[in-house]
PDB file of N, CA and C in Angstrom:
ATOM      1  N   MET A   1       6.924   4.178  -7.978  1.00  0.00           N
ATOM      2  CA  MET A   1       5.596   4.691  -7.722  1.00  0.00           C
ATOM      3  C   MET A   1       5.743   5.983  -6.924  1.00  0.00           C
ATOM      4  N   ASP A   2       5.170   7.064  -7.426  1.00  0.00           N
ATOM      5  CA  ASP A   2       5.250   8.352  -6.755  1.00  0.00           C
ATOM      6  C   ASP A   2       4.253   8.410  -5.606  1.00  0.00           C
ATOM      7  N   GLN A   3       4.663   9.067  -4.531  1.00  0.00           N
ATOM      8  CA  GLN A   3       3.770   9.217  -3.387  1.00  0.00           C
ATOM      9  C   GLN A   3       2.720  10.266  -3.693  1.00  0.00           C
ATOM     10  N   PRO A   4       1.429   9.909  -3.470  1.00  0.00           N
ATOM     11  CA  PRO A   4       0.377  10.913  -3.666  1.00  0.00           C
ATOM     12  C   PRO A   4       0.557  12.072  -2.685  1.00  0.00           C
ATOM     13  N   ARG A   5       0.212  13.243  -3.120  1.00  0.00           N
ATOM     14  CA  ARG A   5       0.336  14.414  -2.249  1.00  0.00           C
ATOM     15  C   ARG A   5      -0.836  14.534  -1.286  1.00  0.00           C
ATOM     16  N   VAL A   6      -2.013  14.133  -1.733  1.00  0.00           N
ATOM     17  CA  VAL A   6      -3.209  14.265  -0.894  1.00  0.00           C
ATOM     18  C   VAL A   6      -4.054  12.999  -0.981  1.00  0.00           C
ATOM     19  N   CYS A   7      -4.928  12.830  -0.008  1.00  0.00           N
ATOM     20  CA  CYS A   7      -5.855  11.705   0.029  1.00  0.00           C
ATOM     21  C   CYS A   7      -6.931  11.892  -1.041  1.00  0.00           C
ATOM     22  N   PRO A   8      -7.216  10.856  -1.843  1.00  0.00           N
ATOM     23  CA  PRO A   8      -8.255  10.994  -2.863  1.00  0.00           C
ATOM     24  C   PRO A   8      -9.661  11.031  -2.273  1.00  0.00           C
ATOM     25  N   HIS A   9      -9.808  10.666  -1.007  1.00  0.00           N
ATOM     26  CA  HIS A   9     -11.124  10.637  -0.370  1.00  0.00           C
ATOM     27  C   HIS A   9     -11.473  11.984   0.285  1.00  0.00           C
ATOM     28  N   CYS A  10     -10.531  12.510   1.096  1.00  0.00           N
ATOM     29  CA  CYS A  10     -10.844  13.741   1.834  1.00  0.00           C
ATOM     30  C   CYS A  10      -9.992  14.938   1.410  1.00  0.00           C
ATOM     31  N   GLY A  11      -8.943  14.698   0.606  1.00  0.00           N
ATOM     32  CA  GLY A  11      -8.111  15.787   0.127  1.00  0.00           C
ATOM     33  C   GLY A  11      -7.079  16.290   1.113  1.00  0.00           C
ATOM     34  N   SER A  12      -6.910  15.620   2.258  1.00  0.00           N
ATOM     35  CA  SER A  12      -5.964  16.125   3.244  1.00  0.00           C
ATOM     36  C   SER A  12      -4.555  15.583   2.994  1.00  0.00           C
ATOM     37  N   ASP A  13      -3.621  16.225   3.616  1.00  0.00           N
ATOM     38  CA  ASP A  13      -2.214  15.861   3.535  1.00  0.00           C
ATOM     39  C   ASP A  13      -1.718  15.789   4.973  1.00  0.00           C
ATOM     40  N   PRO A  14      -0.910  14.883   5.378  1.00  0.00           N
ATOM     41  CA  PRO A  14      -0.119  13.950   4.592  1.00  0.00           C
ATOM     42  C   PRO A  14      -0.755  12.559   4.515  1.00  0.00           C
ATOM     43  N   VAL A  15      -0.222  11.777   3.599  1.00  0.00           N
ATOM     44  CA  VAL A  15      -0.593  10.367   3.515  1.00  0.00           C
ATOM     45  C   VAL A  15       0.652   9.534   3.806  1.00  0.00           C
ATOM     46  N   ASN A  16       0.444   8.303   4.252  1.00  0.00           N
ATOM     47  CA  ASN A  16       1.549   7.418   4.592  1.00  0.00           C
ATOM     48  C   ASN A  16       1.653   6.261   3.628  1.00  0.00           C
ATOM     49  N   LYS A  17       2.866   5.838   3.343  1.00  0.00           N
ATOM     50  CA  LYS A  17       3.126   4.646   2.533  1.00  0.00           C
ATOM     51  C   LYS A  17       3.023   3.438   3.454  1.00  0.00           C
ATOM     52  N   VAL A  18       2.314   2.401   2.998  1.00  0.00           N
ATOM     53  CA  VAL A  18       2.184   1.160   3.754  1.00  0.00           C
ATOM     54  C   VAL A  18       3.266   0.210   3.264  1.00  0.00           C
ATOM     55  N   ILE A  19       4.078  -0.298   4.196  1.00  0.00           N
ATOM     56  CA  ILE A  19       5.090  -1.283   3.839  1.00  0.00           C
ATOM     57  C   ILE A  19       4.736  -2.594   4.527  1.00  0.00           C
ATOM     58  N   TYR A  20       5.135  -3.686   3.915  1.00  0.00           N
ATOM     59  CA  TYR A  20       4.793  -5.014   4.420  1.00  0.00           C
ATOM     60  C   TYR A  20       6.048  -5.767   4.830  1.00  0.00           C
ATOM     61  N   GLY A  21       5.883  -6.674   5.781  1.00  0.00           N
ATOM     62  CA  GLY A  21       7.003  -7.458   6.270  1.00  0.00           C
ATOM     63  C   GLY A  21       7.459  -6.945   7.616  1.00  0.00           C
ATOM     64  N   LEU A  22       8.541  -7.496   8.098  1.00  0.00           N
ATOM     65  CA  LEU A  22       9.095  -7.114   9.393  1.00  0.00           C
ATOM     66  C   LEU A  22      10.221  -6.119   9.170  1.00  0.00           C
ATOM     67  N   PRO A  23      10.054  -4.864   9.607  1.00  0.00           N
ATOM     68  CA  PRO A  23      11.106  -3.874   9.406  1.00  0.00           C
ATOM     69  C   PRO A  23      12.369  -4.255  10.181  1.00  0.00           C
ATOM     70  N   SER A  24      13.513  -3.981   9.604  1.00  0.00           N
ATOM     71  CA  SER A  24      14.776  -4.291  10.266  1.00  0.00           C
ATOM     72  C   SER A  24      15.279  -3.141  11.118  1.00  0.00           C
ATOM     73  N   GLY A  25      14.569  -2.049  11.112  1.00  0.00           N
ATOM     74  CA  GLY A  25      14.964  -0.884  11.900  1.00  0.00           C
ATOM     75  C   GLY A  25      13.816   0.099  11.951  1.00  0.00           C
ATOM     76  N   PRO A  26      14.102   1.316  12.384  1.00  0.00           N
ATOM     77  CA  PRO A  26      13.050   2.333  12.446  1.00  0.00           C
ATOM     78  C   PRO A  26      12.471   2.612  11.062  1.00  0.00           C
ATOM     79  N   LEU A  27      11.200   2.900  11.040  1.00  0.00           N
ATOM     80  CA  LEU A  27      10.537   3.224   9.770  1.00  0.00           C
ATOM     81  C   LEU A  27      10.873   4.645   9.343  1.00  0.00           C
ATOM     82  N   PRO A  28      11.004   4.854   8.041  1.00  0.00           N
ATOM     83  CA  PRO A  28      11.200   6.224   7.559  1.00  0.00           C
ATOM     84  C   PRO A  28       9.955   7.060   7.839  1.00  0.00           C
ATOM     85  N   PRO A  29      10.083   8.374   7.815  1.00  0.00           N
ATOM     86  CA  PRO A  29       8.903   9.223   7.991  1.00  0.00           C
ATOM     87  C   PRO A  29       7.836   8.900   6.952  1.00  0.00           C
ATOM     88  N   ARG A  30       6.593   9.027   7.355  1.00  0.00           N
ATOM     89  CA  ARG A  30       5.423   8.793   6.493  1.00  0.00           C
ATOM     90  C   ARG A  30       5.335   7.362   5.974  1.00  0.00           C
ATOM     91  N   HIS A  31       5.768   6.404   6.772  1.00  0.00           N
ATOM     92  CA  HIS A  31       5.641   4.981   6.452  1.00  0.00           C
ATOM     93  C   HIS A  31       5.005   4.280   7.650  1.00  0.00           C
ATOM     94  N   ILE A  32       4.122   3.323   7.382  1.00  0.00           N
ATOM     95  CA  ILE A  32       3.540   2.507   8.434  1.00  0.00           C
ATOM     96  C   ILE A  32       3.608   1.043   8.002  1.00  0.00           C
ATOM     97  N   THR A  33       3.517   0.136   8.957  1.00  0.00           N
ATOM     98  CA  THR A  33       3.555  -1.277   8.612  1.00  0.00           C
ATOM     99  C   THR A  33       2.150  -1.775   8.287  1.00  0.00           C
ATOM    100  N   GLY A  34       2.074  -2.657   7.309  1.00  0.00           N
ATOM    101  CA  GLY A  34       0.809  -3.247   6.891  1.00  0.00           C
ATOM    102  C   GLY A  34       0.698  -4.699   7.306  1.00  0.00           C
ATOM    103  N   GLY A  35       1.645  -5.173   8.105  1.00  0.00           N
ATOM    104  CA  GLY A  35       1.629  -6.563   8.539  1.00  0.00           C
ATOM    105  C   GLY A  35       2.550  -7.417   7.688  1.00  0.00           C
ATOM    106  N   CYS A  36       2.563  -8.695   7.986  1.00  0.00           N
ATOM    107  CA  CYS A  36       3.492  -9.581   7.281  1.00  0.00           C
ATOM    108  C   CYS A  36       2.803 -10.440   6.232  1.00  0.00           C
ATOM    109  N   ILE A  37       1.481 -10.394   6.163  1.00  0.00           N
ATOM    110  CA  ILE A  37       0.761 -11.159   5.154  1.00  0.00           C
ATOM    111  C   ILE A  37       0.481 -10.240   3.972  1.00  0.00           C
ATOM    112  N   ILE A  38       1.065 -10.586   2.841  1.00  0.00           N
ATOM    113  CA  ILE A  38       0.961  -9.742   1.662  1.00  0.00           C
ATOM    114  C   ILE A  38      -0.043 -10.376   0.705  1.00  0.00           C
ATOM    115  N   GLY A  39      -1.107  -9.667   0.414  1.00  0.00           N
ATOM    116  CA  GLY A  39      -2.133 -10.159  -0.498  1.00  0.00           C
ATOM    117  C   GLY A  39      -2.364  -9.190  -1.631  1.00  0.00           C
ATOM    118  N   PRO A  40      -3.206  -9.559  -2.567  1.00  0.00           N
ATOM    119  CA  PRO A  40      -3.404  -8.710  -3.741  1.00  0.00           C
ATOM    120  C   PRO A  40      -4.187  -7.431  -3.464  1.00  0.00           C
ATOM    121  N   ASP A  41      -4.942  -7.408  -2.387  1.00  0.00           N
ATOM    122  CA  ASP A  41      -5.809  -6.259  -2.126  1.00  0.00           C
ATOM    123  C   ASP A  41      -5.289  -5.314  -1.048  1.00  0.00           C
ATOM    124  N   GLY A  42      -4.073  -5.538  -0.575  1.00  0.00           N
ATOM    125  CA  GLY A  42      -3.527  -4.681   0.472  1.00  0.00           C
ATOM    126  C   GLY A  42      -3.301  -3.272  -0.027  1.00  0.00           C
ATOM    127  N   PRO A  43      -3.505  -2.284   0.837  1.00  0.00           N
ATOM    128  CA  PRO A  43      -3.336  -0.895   0.406  1.00  0.00           C
ATOM    129  C   PRO A  43      -1.866  -0.514   0.261  1.00  0.00           C
ATOM    130  N   ASP A  44      -1.617   0.460  -0.587  1.00  0.00           N
ATOM    131  CA  ASP A  44      -0.288   1.052  -0.734  1.00  0.00           C
ATOM    132  C   ASP A  44      -0.166   2.319   0.103  1.00  0.00           C
ATOM    133  N   TRP A  45      -1.290   2.971   0.355  1.00  0.00           N
ATOM    134  CA  TRP A  45      -1.304   4.272   1.022  1.00  0.00           C
ATOM    135  C   TRP A  45      -2.440   4.325   2.044  1.00  0.00           C
ATOM    136  N   ILE A  46      -2.261   5.148   3.087  1.00  0.00           N
ATOM    137  CA  ILE A  46      -3.315   5.387   4.080  1.00  0.00           C
ATOM    138  C   ILE A  46      -3.271   6.861   4.485  1.00  0.00           C
ATOM    139  N   CYS A  47      -4.443   7.441   4.621  1.00  0.00           N
ATOM    140  CA  CYS A  47      -4.562   8.852   4.988  1.00  0.00           C
ATOM    141  C   CYS A  47      -4.428   9.010   6.504  1.00  0.00           C
ATOM    142  N   ASN A  48      -3.666   9.993   6.925  1.00  0.00           N
ATOM    143  CA  ASN A  48      -3.517  10.286   8.358  1.00  0.00           C
ATOM    144  C   ASN A  48      -4.793  10.853   8.965  1.00  0.00           C
ATOM    145  N   THR A  49      -5.608  11.510   8.167  1.00  0.00           N
ATOM    146  CA  THR A  49      -6.788  12.197   8.684  1.00  0.00           C
ATOM    147  C   THR A  49      -8.022  11.301   8.735  1.00  0.00           C
ATOM    148  N   CYS A  50      -8.408  10.725   7.593  1.00  0.00           N
ATOM    149  CA  CYS A  50      -9.659   9.958   7.541  1.00  0.00           C
ATOM    150  C   CYS A  50      -9.437   8.440   7.534  1.00  0.00           C
ATOM    151  N   THR A  51      -8.183   8.005   7.535  1.00  0.00           N
ATOM    152  CA  THR A  51      -7.771   6.589   7.506  1.00  0.00           C
ATOM    153  C   THR A  51      -8.218   5.855   6.242  1.00  0.00           C
ATOM    154  N   HIS A  52      -8.571   6.593   5.191  1.00  0.00           N
ATOM    155  CA  HIS A  52      -8.889   5.962   3.914  1.00  0.00           C
ATOM    156  C   HIS A  52      -7.644   5.240   3.410  1.00  0.00           C
ATOM    157  N   GLN A  53      -7.820   4.021   2.915  1.00  0.00           N
ATOM    158  CA  GLN A  53      -6.717   3.228   2.393  1.00  0.00           C
ATOM    159  C   GLN A  53      -6.965   2.945   0.922  1.00  0.00           C
ATOM    160  N   TRP A  54      -5.914   2.985   0.115  1.00  0.00           N
ATOM    161  CA  TRP A  54      -6.086   2.709  -1.305  1.00  0.00           C
ATOM    162  C   TRP A  54      -4.812   2.122  -1.892  1.00  0.00           C
ATOM    163  N   GLN A  55      -5.010   1.542  -3.068  1.00  0.00           N
ATOM    164  CA  GLN A  55      -3.921   0.928  -3.806  1.00  0.00           C
ATOM    165  C   GLN A  55      -3.773   1.674  -5.125  1.00  0.00           C
ATOM    166  N   THR A  56      -2.557   1.918  -5.526  1.00  0.00           N
ATOM    167  CA  THR A  56      -2.333   2.601  -6.790  1.00  0.00           C
ATOM    168  C   THR A  56      -2.486   1.614  -7.943  1.00  0.00           C
ATOM    169  N   PRO A  57      -2.881   2.076  -9.123  1.00  0.00           N
ATOM    170  CA  PRO A  57      -3.105   1.181 -10.257  1.00  0.00           C
ATOM    171  C   PRO A  57      -1.878   0.370 -10.648  1.00  0.00           C
ATOM    172  N   ASP A  58      -0.682   0.918 -10.438  1.00  0.00           N
ATOM    173  CA  ASP A  58       0.533   0.207 -10.821  1.00  0.00           C
ATOM    174  C   ASP A  58       1.168  -0.540  -9.647  1.00  0.00           C
ATOM    175  N   SER A  59       0.345  -0.903  -8.669  1.00  0.00           N
ATOM    176  CA  SER A  59       0.855  -1.595  -7.495  1.00  0.00           C
ATOM    177  C   SER A  59       1.566  -2.887  -7.896  1.00  0.00           C
ATOM    178  N   PHE A  60       2.763  -3.071  -7.388  1.00  0.00           N
ATOM    179  CA  PHE A  60       3.530  -4.284  -7.678  1.00  0.00           C
ATOM    180  C   PHE A  60       2.792  -5.516  -7.187  1.00  0.00           C
ATOM    181  N   ARG A  61       2.187  -5.441  -5.994  1.00  0.00           N
ATOM    182  CA  ARG A  61       1.480  -6.594  -5.428  1.00  0.00           C
ATOM    183  C   ARG A  61       0.316  -7.018  -6.310  1.00  0.00           C
ATOM    184  N   ALA A  62      -0.487  -6.079  -6.751  1.00  0.00           N
ATOM    185  CA  ALA A  62      -1.654  -6.409  -7.581  1.00  0.00           C
ATOM    186  C   ALA A  62      -1.210  -7.021  -8.902  1.00  0.00           C
ATOM    187  N   THR A  63      -0.172  -6.471  -9.502  1.00  0.00           N
ATOM    188  CA  THR A  63       0.332  -6.988 -10.772  1.00  0.00           C
ATOM    189  C   THR A  63       0.921  -8.378 -10.601  1.00  0.00           C
ATOM    190  N   ALA A  64       1.733  -8.566  -9.571  1.00  0.00           N
ATOM    191  CA  ALA A  64       2.363  -9.870  -9.333  1.00  0.00           C
ATOM    192  C   ALA A  64       1.319 -10.924  -9.000  1.00  0.00           C
ATOM    193  N   TRP A  65       0.307 -10.554  -8.211  1.00  0.00           N
ATOM    194  CA  TRP A  65      -0.741 -11.504  -7.836  1.00  0.00           C
ATOM    195  C   TRP A  65      -1.556 -11.930  -9.059  1.00  0.00           C
ATOM    196  N   ALA A  66      -1.882 -10.994  -9.925  1.00  0.00           N
ATOM    197  CA  ALA A  66      -2.639 -11.311 -11.138  1.00  0.00           C
ATOM    198  C   ALA A  66      -1.839 -12.260 -12.029  1.00  0.00           C
ATOM    199  N   GLU A  67      -0.541 -12.025 -12.128  1.00  0.00           N
ATOM    200  CA  GLU A  67       0.311 -12.906 -12.929  1.00  0.00           C
ATOM    201  C   GLU A  67       0.373 -14.301 -12.306  1.00  0.00           C
ATOM    202  N   TYR A  68       0.470 -14.361 -10.976  1.00  0.00           N
ATOM    203  CA  TYR A  68       0.498 -15.651 -10.283  1.00  0.00           C
ATOM    204  C   TYR A  68      -0.789 -16.435 -10.539  1.00  0.00           C
ATOM    205  N   GLU A  69      -1.944 -15.765 -10.415  1.00  0.00           N
ATOM    206  CA  GLU A  69      -3.223 -16.441 -10.627  1.00  0.00           C
ATOM    207  C   GLU A  69      -3.391 -16.919 -12.073  1.00  0.00           C
ATOM    208  N   THR A  70      -2.832 -16.177 -13.026  1.00  0.00           N
ATOM    209  CA  THR A  70      -2.890 -16.588 -14.425  1.00  0.00           C
ATOM    210  C   THR A  70      -2.079 -17.873 -14.637  1.00  0.00           C
ATOM    211  N   ARG A  71      -0.931 -17.940 -13.998  1.00  0.00           N
ATOM    212  CA  ARG A  71      -0.054 -19.109 -14.145  1.00  0.00           C
ATOM    213  C   ARG A  71      -0.483 -20.307 -13.297  1.00  0.00           C
ATOM    214  N   ASN A  72      -1.248 -20.046 -12.245  1.00  0.00           N
ATOM    215  CA  ASN A  72      -1.631 -21.098 -11.309  1.00  0.00           C
ATOM    216  C   ASN A  72      -3.139 -21.079 -11.048  1.00  0.00           C
ATOM    217  N   PRO A  73      -3.955 -21.404 -12.048  1.00  0.00           N
ATOM    218  CA  PRO A  73      -5.403 -21.357 -11.832  1.00  0.00           C
ATOM    219  C   PRO A  73      -5.844 -22.406 -10.820  1.00  0.00           C
ATOM    220  N   LEU A  74      -6.907 -22.092 -10.113  1.00  0.00           N
ATOM    221  CA  LEU A  74      -7.430 -23.043  -9.104  1.00  0.00           C
ATOM    222  C   LEU A  74      -8.164 -24.183  -9.752  1.00  0.00           C
TER     223      LEU A  74
END
């Protein structure tokens, strides 16, 4: 997944990649933690300026969650 260059909401740069889980060391530049609970609606990116959060259409989490729900209906 390519990193967006600008925020789709305000058009500013830079944006940060949201990573989930417990980091084992310092975070790379332009990365922030999203917590340890991974759900289907968690953002992939967050804007440094307006704090807009969004998920890309090819998000692994959204795809994996949809597949899980298909295989395990309530």
